[in-house]
PDB file of N, CA and C in Angstrom:
ATOM      1  N   MET A   1       6.254 -16.430 -49.989  1.00  0.00           N
ATOM      2  CA  MET A   1       6.700 -17.152 -48.829  1.00  0.00           C
ATOM      3  C   MET A   1       5.484 -17.477 -47.968  1.00  0.00           C
ATOM      4  N   ASN A   2       5.130 -18.748 -47.934  1.00  0.00           N
ATOM      5  CA  ASN A   2       3.895 -19.110 -47.258  1.00  0.00           C
ATOM      6  C   ASN A   2       4.090 -19.664 -45.852  1.00  0.00           C
ATOM      7  N   ALA A   3       5.356 -19.662 -45.370  1.00  0.00           N
ATOM      8  CA  ALA A   3       5.573 -20.210 -44.034  1.00  0.00           C
ATOM      9  C   ALA A   3       6.825 -19.619 -43.397  1.00  0.00           C
ATOM     10  N   SER A   4       6.831 -19.687 -42.084  1.00  0.00           N
ATOM     11  CA  SER A   4       8.050 -19.403 -41.337  1.00  0.00           C
ATOM     12  C   SER A   4       8.075 -20.355 -40.154  1.00  0.00           C
ATOM     13  N   VAL A   5       9.275 -20.714 -39.744  1.00  0.00           N
ATOM     14  CA  VAL A   5       9.431 -21.576 -38.578  1.00  0.00           C
ATOM     15  C   VAL A   5      10.468 -20.965 -37.657  1.00  0.00           C
ATOM     16  N   ALA A   6      10.331 -21.277 -36.396  1.00  0.00           N
ATOM     17  CA  ALA A   6      11.366 -20.969 -35.420  1.00  0.00           C
ATOM     18  C   ALA A   6      11.761 -22.301 -34.811  1.00  0.00           C
ATOM     19  N   ILE A   7      13.053 -22.580 -34.785  1.00  0.00           N
ATOM     20  CA  ILE A   7      13.529 -23.842 -34.240  1.00  0.00           C
ATOM     21  C   ILE A   7      14.557 -23.589 -33.154  1.00  0.00           C
ATOM     22  N   GLN A   8      14.349 -24.260 -32.037  1.00  0.00           N
ATOM     23  CA  GLN A   8      15.321 -24.261 -30.954  1.00  0.00           C
ATOM     24  C   GLN A   8      15.802 -25.698 -30.831  1.00  0.00           C
ATOM     25  N   THR A   9      17.060 -25.927 -31.187  1.00  0.00           N
ATOM     26  CA  THR A   9      17.653 -27.256 -31.132  1.00  0.00           C
ATOM     27  C   THR A   9      18.332 -27.430 -29.782  1.00  0.00           C
ATOM     28  N   LEU A  10      18.036 -28.523 -29.109  1.00  0.00           N
ATOM     29  CA  LEU A  10      18.551 -28.788 -27.771  1.00  0.00           C
ATOM     30  C   LEU A  10      19.282 -30.130 -27.740  1.00  0.00           C
ATOM     31  N   PRO A  11      20.540 -30.151 -28.197  1.00  0.00           N
ATOM     32  CA  PRO A  11      21.274 -31.411 -28.203  1.00  0.00           C
ATOM     33  C   PRO A  11      21.752 -31.791 -26.802  1.00  0.00           C
ATOM     34  N   GLU A  12      21.807 -33.074 -26.545  1.00  0.00           N
ATOM     35  CA  GLU A  12      22.455 -33.546 -25.324  1.00  0.00           C
ATOM     36  C   GLU A  12      23.954 -33.334 -25.516  1.00  0.00           C
ATOM     37  N   ALA A  13      24.608 -32.756 -24.525  1.00  0.00           N
ATOM     38  CA  ALA A  13      26.031 -32.464 -24.641  1.00  0.00           C
ATOM     39  C   ALA A  13      26.683 -32.541 -23.270  1.00  0.00           C
ATOM     40  N   ALA A  14      27.976 -32.869 -23.267  1.00  0.00           N
ATOM     41  CA  ALA A  14      28.727 -33.044 -22.024  1.00  0.00           C
ATOM     42  C   ALA A  14      28.953 -31.729 -21.284  1.00  0.00           C
ATOM     43  N   ASN A  15      29.028 -30.617 -22.037  1.00  0.00           N
ATOM     44  CA  ASN A  15      29.302 -29.326 -21.416  1.00  0.00           C
ATOM     45  C   ASN A  15      28.806 -28.215 -22.341  1.00  0.00           C
ATOM     46  N   ASP A  16      28.906 -26.981 -21.858  1.00  0.00           N
ATOM     47  CA  ASP A  16      28.413 -25.842 -22.635  1.00  0.00           C
ATOM     48  C   ASP A  16      29.154 -25.662 -23.946  1.00  0.00           C
ATOM     49  N   GLU A  17      30.456 -25.870 -23.938  1.00  0.00           N
ATOM     50  CA  GLU A  17      31.244 -25.696 -25.167  1.00  0.00           C
ATOM     51  C   GLU A  17      30.805 -26.687 -26.242  1.00  0.00           C
ATOM     52  N   GLU A  18      30.556 -27.920 -25.833  1.00  0.00           N
ATOM     53  CA  GLU A  18      30.098 -28.944 -26.783  1.00  0.00           C
ATOM     54  C   GLU A  18      28.703 -28.615 -27.289  1.00  0.00           C
ATOM     55  N   LEU A  19      27.847 -28.154 -26.408  1.00  0.00           N
ATOM     56  CA  LEU A  19      26.496 -27.777 -26.796  1.00  0.00           C
ATOM     57  C   LEU A  19      26.546 -26.660 -27.839  1.00  0.00           C
ATOM     58  N   ILE A  20      27.346 -25.638 -27.588  1.00  0.00           N
ATOM     59  CA  ILE A  20      27.454 -24.517 -28.522  1.00  0.00           C
ATOM     60  C   ILE A  20      28.023 -24.972 -29.855  1.00  0.00           C
ATOM     61  N   ARG A  21      29.013 -25.861 -29.828  1.00  0.00           N
ATOM     62  CA  ARG A  21      29.610 -26.362 -31.078  1.00  0.00           C
ATOM     63  C   ARG A  21      28.554 -27.074 -31.922  1.00  0.00           C
ATOM     64  N   ILE A  22      27.755 -27.909 -31.297  1.00  0.00           N
ATOM     65  CA  ILE A  22      26.732 -28.659 -32.025  1.00  0.00           C
ATOM     66  C   ILE A  22      25.659 -27.718 -32.571  1.00  0.00           C
ATOM     67  N   VAL A  23      25.190 -26.802 -31.742  1.00  0.00           N
ATOM     68  CA  VAL A  23      24.180 -25.839 -32.200  1.00  0.00           C
ATOM     69  C   VAL A  23      24.742 -24.995 -33.335  1.00  0.00           C
ATOM     70  N   ASP A  24      26.008 -24.609 -33.253  1.00  0.00           N
ATOM     71  CA  ASP A  24      26.630 -23.846 -34.339  1.00  0.00           C
ATOM     72  C   ASP A  24      26.627 -24.621 -35.650  1.00  0.00           C
ATOM     73  N   GLU A  25      26.802 -25.929 -35.589  1.00  0.00           N
ATOM     74  CA  GLU A  25      26.733 -26.745 -36.814  1.00  0.00           C
ATOM     75  C   GLU A  25      25.321 -26.742 -37.394  1.00  0.00           C
ATOM     76  N   VAL A  26      24.325 -26.800 -36.529  1.00  0.00           N
ATOM     77  CA  VAL A  26      22.932 -26.742 -36.990  1.00  0.00           C
ATOM     78  C   VAL A  26      22.661 -25.383 -37.639  1.00  0.00           C
ATOM     79  N   ILE A  27      23.119 -24.315 -37.009  1.00  0.00           N
ATOM     80  CA  ILE A  27      22.913 -22.972 -37.561  1.00  0.00           C
ATOM     81  C   ILE A  27      23.639 -22.823 -38.897  1.00  0.00           C
ATOM     82  N   ALA A  28      24.845 -23.369 -38.995  1.00  0.00           N
ATOM     83  CA  ALA A  28      25.586 -23.313 -40.267  1.00  0.00           C
ATOM     84  C   ALA A  28      24.798 -24.021 -41.369  1.00  0.00           C
ATOM     85  N   TYR A  29      24.187 -25.156 -41.046  1.00  0.00           N
ATOM     86  CA  TYR A  29      23.352 -25.856 -42.029  1.00  0.00           C
ATOM     87  C   TYR A  29      22.174 -24.979 -42.453  1.00  0.00           C
ATOM     88  N   ILE A  30      21.487 -24.385 -41.479  1.00  0.00           N
ATOM     89  CA  ILE A  30      20.337 -23.529 -41.807  1.00  0.00           C
ATOM     90  C   ILE A  30      20.775 -22.404 -42.740  1.00  0.00           C
ATOM     91  N   LYS A  31      21.883 -21.749 -42.414  1.00  0.00           N
ATOM     92  CA  LYS A  31      22.379 -20.662 -43.260  1.00  0.00           C
ATOM     93  C   LYS A  31      22.747 -21.160 -44.652  1.00  0.00           C
ATOM     94  N   SER A  32      23.240 -22.390 -44.757  1.00  0.00           N
ATOM     95  CA  SER A  32      23.647 -22.933 -46.058  1.00  0.00           C
ATOM     96  C   SER A  32      22.474 -23.179 -46.993  1.00  0.00           C
ATOM     97  N   THR A  33      21.248 -23.190 -46.463  1.00  0.00           N
ATOM     98  CA  THR A  33      20.078 -23.420 -47.316  1.00  0.00           C
ATOM     99  C   THR A  33      19.800 -22.228 -48.221  1.00  0.00           C
ATOM    100  N   GLY A  34      20.335 -21.054 -47.858  1.00  0.00           N
ATOM    101  CA  GLY A  34      20.104 -19.857 -48.649  1.00  0.00           C
ATOM    102  C   GLY A  34      18.801 -19.152 -48.337  1.00  0.00           C
ATOM    103  N   LEU A  35      18.008 -19.702 -47.436  1.00  0.00           N
ATOM    104  CA  LEU A  35      16.757 -19.060 -47.060  1.00  0.00           C
ATOM    105  C   LEU A  35      17.027 -17.938 -46.072  1.00  0.00           C
ATOM    106  N   ASN A  36      16.118 -16.984 -46.021  1.00  0.00           N
ATOM    107  CA  ASN A  36      16.255 -15.899 -45.070  1.00  0.00           C
ATOM    108  C   ASN A  36      16.082 -16.461 -43.665  1.00  0.00           C
ATOM    109  N   CYS A  37      17.024 -16.140 -42.784  1.00  0.00           N
ATOM    110  CA  CYS A  37      16.927 -16.619 -41.416  1.00  0.00           C
ATOM    111  C   CYS A  37      17.418 -15.550 -40.453  1.00  0.00           C
ATOM    112  N   TYR A  38      17.045 -15.713 -39.198  1.00  0.00           N
ATOM    113  CA  TYR A  38      17.424 -14.777 -38.144  1.00  0.00           C
ATOM    114  C   TYR A  38      17.805 -15.606 -36.930  1.00  0.00           C
ATOM    115  N   VAL A  39      19.058 -15.482 -36.512  1.00  0.00           N
ATOM    116  CA  VAL A  39      19.549 -16.240 -35.368  1.00  0.00           C
ATOM    117  C   VAL A  39      19.376 -15.393 -34.116  1.00  0.00           C
ATOM    118  N   GLY A  40      18.630 -15.923 -33.173  1.00  0.00           N
ATOM    119  CA  GLY A  40      18.437 -15.262 -31.892  1.00  0.00           C
ATOM    120  C   GLY A  40      19.104 -16.067 -30.788  1.00  0.00           C
ATOM    121  N   PRO A  41      19.056 -15.591 -29.565  1.00  0.00           N
ATOM    122  CA  PRO A  41      19.740 -16.283 -28.475  1.00  0.00           C
ATOM    123  C   PRO A  41      19.103 -17.616 -28.082  1.00  0.00           C
ATOM    124  N   PHE A  42      17.830 -17.812 -28.419  1.00  0.00           N
ATOM    125  CA  PHE A  42      17.147 -19.043 -28.043  1.00  0.00           C
ATOM    126  C   PHE A  42      16.669 -19.881 -29.220  1.00  0.00           C
ATOM    127  N   GLU A  43      16.517 -19.267 -30.379  1.00  0.00           N
ATOM    128  CA  GLU A  43      15.980 -19.987 -31.532  1.00  0.00           C
ATOM    129  C   GLU A  43      16.399 -19.287 -32.815  1.00  0.00           C
ATOM    130  N   THR A  44      16.240 -20.012 -33.907  1.00  0.00           N
ATOM    131  CA  THR A  44      16.516 -19.453 -35.232  1.00  0.00           C
ATOM    132  C   THR A  44      15.221 -19.478 -36.028  1.00  0.00           C
ATOM    133  N   ALA A  45      14.875 -18.343 -36.612  1.00  0.00           N
ATOM    134  CA  ALA A  45      13.685 -18.237 -37.459  1.00  0.00           C
ATOM    135  C   ALA A  45      14.110 -18.359 -38.917  1.00  0.00           C
ATOM    136  N   ILE A  46      13.299 -19.060 -39.703  1.00  0.00           N
ATOM    137  CA  ILE A  46      13.585 -19.284 -41.123  1.00  0.00           C
ATOM    138  C   ILE A  46      12.301 -19.046 -41.902  1.00  0.00           C
ATOM    139  N   GLU A  47      12.429 -18.427 -43.078  1.00  0.00           N
ATOM    140  CA  GLU A  47      11.272 -18.163 -43.933  1.00  0.00           C
ATOM    141  C   GLU A  47      11.398 -18.934 -45.240  1.00  0.00           C
ATOM    142  N   GLY A  48      10.258 -19.395 -45.760  1.00  0.00           N
ATOM    143  CA  GLY A  48      10.286 -20.073 -47.049  1.00  0.00           C
ATOM    144  C   GLY A  48       9.017 -20.835 -47.329  1.00  0.00           C
ATOM    145  N   ASP A  49       9.143 -21.833 -48.185  1.00  0.00           N
ATOM    146  CA  ASP A  49       8.045 -22.721 -48.538  1.00  0.00           C
ATOM    147  C   ASP A  49       7.838 -23.743 -47.420  1.00  0.00           C
ATOM    148  N   TYR A  50       6.602 -23.999 -47.069  1.00  0.00           N
ATOM    149  CA  TYR A  50       6.276 -24.893 -45.953  1.00  0.00           C
ATOM    150  C   TYR A  50       6.980 -26.246 -46.056  1.00  0.00           C
ATOM    151  N   ASP A  51       6.856 -26.915 -47.190  1.00  0.00           N
ATOM    152  CA  ASP A  51       7.449 -28.249 -47.322  1.00  0.00           C
ATOM    153  C   ASP A  51       8.971 -28.208 -47.189  1.00  0.00           C
ATOM    154  N   GLU A  52       9.591 -27.199 -47.777  1.00  0.00           N
ATOM    155  CA  GLU A  52      11.040 -27.065 -47.666  1.00  0.00           C
ATOM    156  C   GLU A  52      11.446 -26.819 -46.207  1.00  0.00           C
ATOM    157  N   LEU A  53      10.690 -26.005 -45.507  1.00  0.00           N
ATOM    158  CA  LEU A  53      11.002 -25.733 -44.110  1.00  0.00           C
ATOM    159  C   LEU A  53      10.851 -26.980 -43.246  1.00  0.00           C
ATOM    160  N   MET A  54       9.853 -27.790 -43.521  1.00  0.00           N
ATOM    161  CA  MET A  54       9.675 -29.023 -42.754  1.00  0.00           C
ATOM    162  C   MET A  54      10.851 -29.975 -42.985  1.00  0.00           C
ATOM    163  N   ASP A  55      11.367 -30.023 -44.215  1.00  0.00           N
ATOM    164  CA  ASP A  55      12.550 -30.835 -44.500  1.00  0.00           C
ATOM    165  C   ASP A  55      13.766 -30.312 -43.737  1.00  0.00           C
ATOM    166  N   ILE A  56      13.902 -28.997 -43.656  1.00  0.00           N
ATOM    167  CA  ILE A  56      15.020 -28.386 -42.931  1.00  0.00           C
ATOM    168  C   ILE A  56      14.919 -28.700 -41.443  1.00  0.00           C
ATOM    169  N   VAL A  57      13.725 -28.590 -40.874  1.00  0.00           N
ATOM    170  CA  VAL A  57      13.520 -28.915 -39.461  1.00  0.00           C
ATOM    171  C   VAL A  57      13.949 -30.352 -39.190  1.00  0.00           C
ATOM    172  N   LYS A  58      13.546 -31.255 -40.062  1.00  0.00           N
ATOM    173  CA  LYS A  58      13.924 -32.669 -39.909  1.00  0.00           C
ATOM    174  C   LYS A  58      15.435 -32.831 -39.978  1.00  0.00           C
ATOM    175  N   GLU A  59      16.067 -32.195 -40.948  1.00  0.00           N
ATOM    176  CA  GLU A  59      17.514 -32.338 -41.132  1.00  0.00           C
ATOM    177  C   GLU A  59      18.291 -31.752 -39.958  1.00  0.00           C
ATOM    178  N   CYS A  60      17.767 -30.729 -39.309  1.00  0.00           N
ATOM    179  CA  CYS A  60      18.460 -30.139 -38.154  1.00  0.00           C
ATOM    180  C   CYS A  60      18.710 -31.186 -37.071  1.00  0.00           C
ATOM    181  N   GLN A  61      17.761 -32.079 -36.881  1.00  0.00           N
ATOM    182  CA  GLN A  61      17.940 -33.133 -35.870  1.00  0.00           C
ATOM    183  C   GLN A  61      19.081 -34.069 -36.285  1.00  0.00           C
ATOM    184  N   HIS A  62      19.104 -34.427 -37.566  1.00  0.00           N
ATOM    185  CA  HIS A  62      20.161 -35.314 -38.070  1.00  0.00           C
ATOM    186  C   HIS A  62      21.537 -34.650 -37.964  1.00  0.00           C
ATOM    187  N   ILE A  63      21.600 -33.365 -38.263  1.00  0.00           N
ATOM    188  CA  ILE A  63      22.860 -32.619 -38.176  1.00  0.00           C
ATOM    189  C   ILE A  63      23.398 -32.682 -36.748  1.00  0.00           C
ATOM    190  N   ALA A  64      22.538 -32.445 -35.770  1.00  0.00           N
ATOM    191  CA  ALA A  64      22.970 -32.459 -34.368  1.00  0.00           C
ATOM    192  C   ALA A  64      23.504 -33.829 -33.968  1.00  0.00           C
ATOM    193  N   VAL A  65      22.848 -34.887 -34.394  1.00  0.00           N
ATOM    194  CA  VAL A  65      23.307 -36.239 -34.062  1.00  0.00           C
ATOM    195  C   VAL A  65      24.630 -36.540 -34.762  1.00  0.00           C
ATOM    196  N   ARG A  66      24.745 -36.179 -36.047  1.00  0.00           N
ATOM    197  CA  ARG A  66      26.009 -36.395 -36.758  1.00  0.00           C
ATOM    198  C   ARG A  66      27.151 -35.584 -36.153  1.00  0.00           C
ATOM    199  N   ALA A  67      26.806 -34.461 -35.507  1.00  0.00           N
ATOM    200  CA  ALA A  67      27.821 -33.621 -34.870  1.00  0.00           C
ATOM    201  C   ALA A  67      28.249 -34.179 -33.509  1.00  0.00           C
ATOM    202  N   GLY A  68      27.592 -35.248 -33.066  1.00  0.00           N
ATOM    203  CA  GLY A  68      28.021 -35.889 -31.837  1.00  0.00           C
ATOM    204  C   GLY A  68      27.013 -35.949 -30.714  1.00  0.00           C
ATOM    205  N   ALA A  69      25.861 -35.364 -30.880  1.00  0.00           N
ATOM    206  CA  ALA A  69      24.848 -35.428 -29.827  1.00  0.00           C
ATOM    207  C   ALA A  69      24.242 -36.833 -29.780  1.00  0.00           C
ATOM    208  N   PRO A  70      24.241 -37.475 -28.607  1.00  0.00           N
ATOM    209  CA  PRO A  70      23.612 -38.794 -28.523  1.00  0.00           C
ATOM    210  C   PRO A  70      22.087 -38.724 -28.658  1.00  0.00           C
ATOM    211  N   SER A  71      21.527 -37.553 -28.341  1.00  0.00           N
ATOM    212  CA  SER A  71      20.091 -37.328 -28.528  1.00  0.00           C
ATOM    213  C   SER A  71      19.871 -35.833 -28.705  1.00  0.00           C
ATOM    214  N   VAL A  72      18.722 -35.494 -29.232  1.00  0.00           N
ATOM    215  CA  VAL A  72      18.404 -34.089 -29.466  1.00  0.00           C
ATOM    216  C   VAL A  72      16.901 -33.879 -29.303  1.00  0.00           C
ATOM    217  N   ALA A  73      16.555 -32.767 -28.688  1.00  0.00           N
ATOM    218  CA  ALA A  73      15.163 -32.345 -28.591  1.00  0.00           C
ATOM    219  C   ALA A  73      15.064 -31.015 -29.326  1.00  0.00           C
ATOM    220  N   ALA A  74      13.856 -30.630 -29.697  1.00  0.00           N
ATOM    221  CA  ALA A  74      13.683 -29.359 -30.389  1.00  0.00           C
ATOM    222  C   ALA A  74      12.304 -28.800 -30.085  1.00  0.00           C
ATOM    223  N   TYR A  75      12.257 -27.481 -29.987  1.00  0.00           N
ATOM    224  CA  TYR A  75      10.997 -26.762 -29.940  1.00  0.00           C
ATOM    225  C   TYR A  75      10.822 -26.110 -31.300  1.00  0.00           C
ATOM    226  N   ILE A  76       9.652 -26.321 -31.897  1.00  0.00           N
ATOM    227  CA  ILE A  76       9.376 -25.812 -33.238  1.00  0.00           C
ATOM    228  C   ILE A  76       8.103 -24.971 -33.199  1.00  0.00           C
ATOM    229  N   LYS A  77       8.179 -23.780 -33.789  1.00  0.00           N
ATOM    230  CA  LYS A  77       6.997 -22.948 -33.977  1.00  0.00           C
ATOM    231  C   LYS A  77       6.804 -22.803 -35.483  1.00  0.00           C
ATOM    232  N   VAL A  78       5.575 -22.889 -35.933  1.00  0.00           N
ATOM    233  CA  VAL A  78       5.288 -22.823 -37.361  1.00  0.00           C
ATOM    234  C   VAL A  78       4.171 -21.816 -37.615  1.00  0.00           C
ATOM    235  N   SER A  79       4.409 -20.956 -38.592  1.00  0.00           N
ATOM    236  CA  SER A  79       3.367 -20.071 -39.107  1.00  0.00           C
ATOM    237  C   SER A  79       3.194 -20.446 -40.578  1.00  0.00           C
ATOM    238  N   TYR A  80       1.978 -20.814 -40.953  1.00  0.00           N
ATOM    239  CA  TYR A  80       1.725 -21.329 -42.307  1.00  0.00           C
ATOM    240  C   TYR A  80       0.460 -20.691 -42.852  1.00  0.00           C
ATOM    241  N   LYS A  81       0.574 -20.176 -44.058  1.00  0.00           N
ATOM    242  CA  LYS A  81      -0.574 -19.561 -44.733  1.00  0.00           C
ATOM    243  C   LYS A  81      -0.572 -20.081 -46.173  1.00  0.00           C
ATOM    244  N   PRO A  82      -1.304 -21.162 -46.444  1.00  0.00           N
ATOM    245  CA  PRO A  82      -1.235 -21.805 -47.751  1.00  0.00           C
ATOM    246  C   PRO A  82      -1.609 -20.901 -48.925  1.00  0.00           C
ATOM    247  N   GLU A  83      -2.479 -19.953 -48.686  1.00  0.00           N
ATOM    248  CA  GLU A  83      -2.946 -19.089 -49.777  1.00  0.00           C
ATOM    249  C   GLU A  83      -2.474 -17.649 -49.605  1.00  0.00           C
ATOM    250  N   GLY A  84      -1.233 -17.460 -49.237  1.00  0.00           N
ATOM    251  CA  GLY A  84      -0.741 -16.100 -49.083  1.00  0.00           C
ATOM    252  C   GLY A  84       0.606 -16.069 -48.413  1.00  0.00           C
ATOM    253  N   ASP A  85       0.991 -14.890 -47.986  1.00  0.00           N
ATOM    254  CA  ASP A  85       2.289 -14.709 -47.356  1.00  0.00           C
ATOM    255  C   ASP A  85       2.126 -14.510 -45.857  1.00  0.00           C
ATOM    256  N   VAL A  86       3.078 -15.061 -45.104  1.00  0.00           N
ATOM    257  CA  VAL A  86       3.117 -14.829 -43.664  1.00  0.00           C
ATOM    258  C   VAL A  86       3.911 -13.551 -43.398  1.00  0.00           C
ATOM    259  N   LEU A  87       3.788 -13.016 -42.208  1.00  0.00           N
ATOM    260  CA  LEU A  87       4.585 -11.855 -41.833  1.00  0.00           C
ATOM    261  C   LEU A  87       6.070 -12.213 -41.897  1.00  0.00           C
ATOM    262  N   THR A  88       6.865 -11.307 -42.430  1.00  0.00           N
ATOM    263  CA  THR A  88       8.295 -11.570 -42.583  1.00  0.00           C
ATOM    264  C   THR A  88       9.052 -11.279 -41.291  1.00  0.00           C
ATOM    265  N   ILE A  89      10.235 -11.856 -41.201  1.00  0.00           N
ATOM    266  CA  ILE A  89      11.132 -11.561 -40.083  1.00  0.00           C
ATOM    267  C   ILE A  89      11.397 -10.067 -40.038  1.00  0.00           C
ATOM    268  N   GLU A  90      11.644  -9.484 -41.197  1.00  0.00           N
ATOM    269  CA  GLU A  90      11.950  -8.052 -41.276  1.00  0.00           C
ATOM    270  C   GLU A  90      10.826  -7.215 -40.667  1.00  0.00           C
ATOM    271  N   LYS A  91       9.586  -7.517 -41.031  1.00  0.00           N
ATOM    272  CA  LYS A  91       8.458  -6.745 -40.504  1.00  0.00           C
ATOM    273  C   LYS A  91       8.302  -6.930 -38.993  1.00  0.00           C
ATOM    274  N   LYS A  92       8.681  -8.097 -38.505  1.00  0.00           N
ATOM    275  CA  LYS A  92       8.503  -8.381 -37.085  1.00  0.00           C
ATOM    276  C   LYS A  92       9.568  -7.754 -36.201  1.00  0.00           C
ATOM    277  N   VAL A  93      10.824  -7.709 -36.657  1.00  0.00           N
ATOM    278  CA  VAL A  93      11.889  -7.337 -35.723  1.00  0.00           C
ATOM    279  C   VAL A  93      12.769  -6.151 -36.111  1.00  0.00           C
ATOM    280  N   THR A  94      12.764  -5.721 -37.355  1.00  0.00           N
ATOM    281  CA  THR A  94      13.701  -4.670 -37.783  1.00  0.00           C
ATOM    282  C   THR A  94      13.594  -3.422 -36.921  1.00  0.00           C
ATOM    283  N   LYS A  95      12.389  -3.003 -36.607  1.00  0.00           N
ATOM    284  CA  LYS A  95      12.219  -1.769 -35.834  1.00  0.00           C
ATOM    285  C   LYS A  95      12.860  -1.862 -34.449  1.00  0.00           C
ATOM    286  N   HIS A  96      13.077  -3.073 -33.971  1.00  0.00           N
ATOM    287  CA  HIS A  96      13.670  -3.254 -32.649  1.00  0.00           C
ATOM    288  C   HIS A  96      15.194  -3.291 -32.670  1.00  0.00           C
ATOM    289  N   HIS A  97      15.782  -3.289 -33.857  1.00  0.00           N
ATOM    290  CA  HIS A  97      17.235  -3.411 -33.990  1.00  0.00           C
ATOM    291  C   HIS A  97      17.850  -2.217 -34.698  1.00  0.00           C
ATOM    292  N   GLN A  98      17.234  -1.069 -34.619  1.00  0.00           N
ATOM    293  CA  GLN A  98      17.755   0.122 -35.286  1.00  0.00           C
ATOM    294  C   GLN A  98      18.511   1.003 -34.313  1.00  0.00           C
TER     295      GLN A  98
END
């Protein structure tokens, strides 16, 4: 696993319920990829191959628009190590959730 990303999707929405519904659709898509992911209160972290993760980041925007958002913004964090493995979600957070 040479990359990990954290994505915070920020769809335009009429109210909090609509915002949560749209974000939930984006999270459902991320989970459907089968990659290891961790959903937090502000962002979702995903681990995998860099190119595959970049495609997923792109698709998240499309998912939000198809779910009804007239526009969407996103904050993206990327950790990429072309010749090795990046730190895993497990190594970063497991000790804090025991």
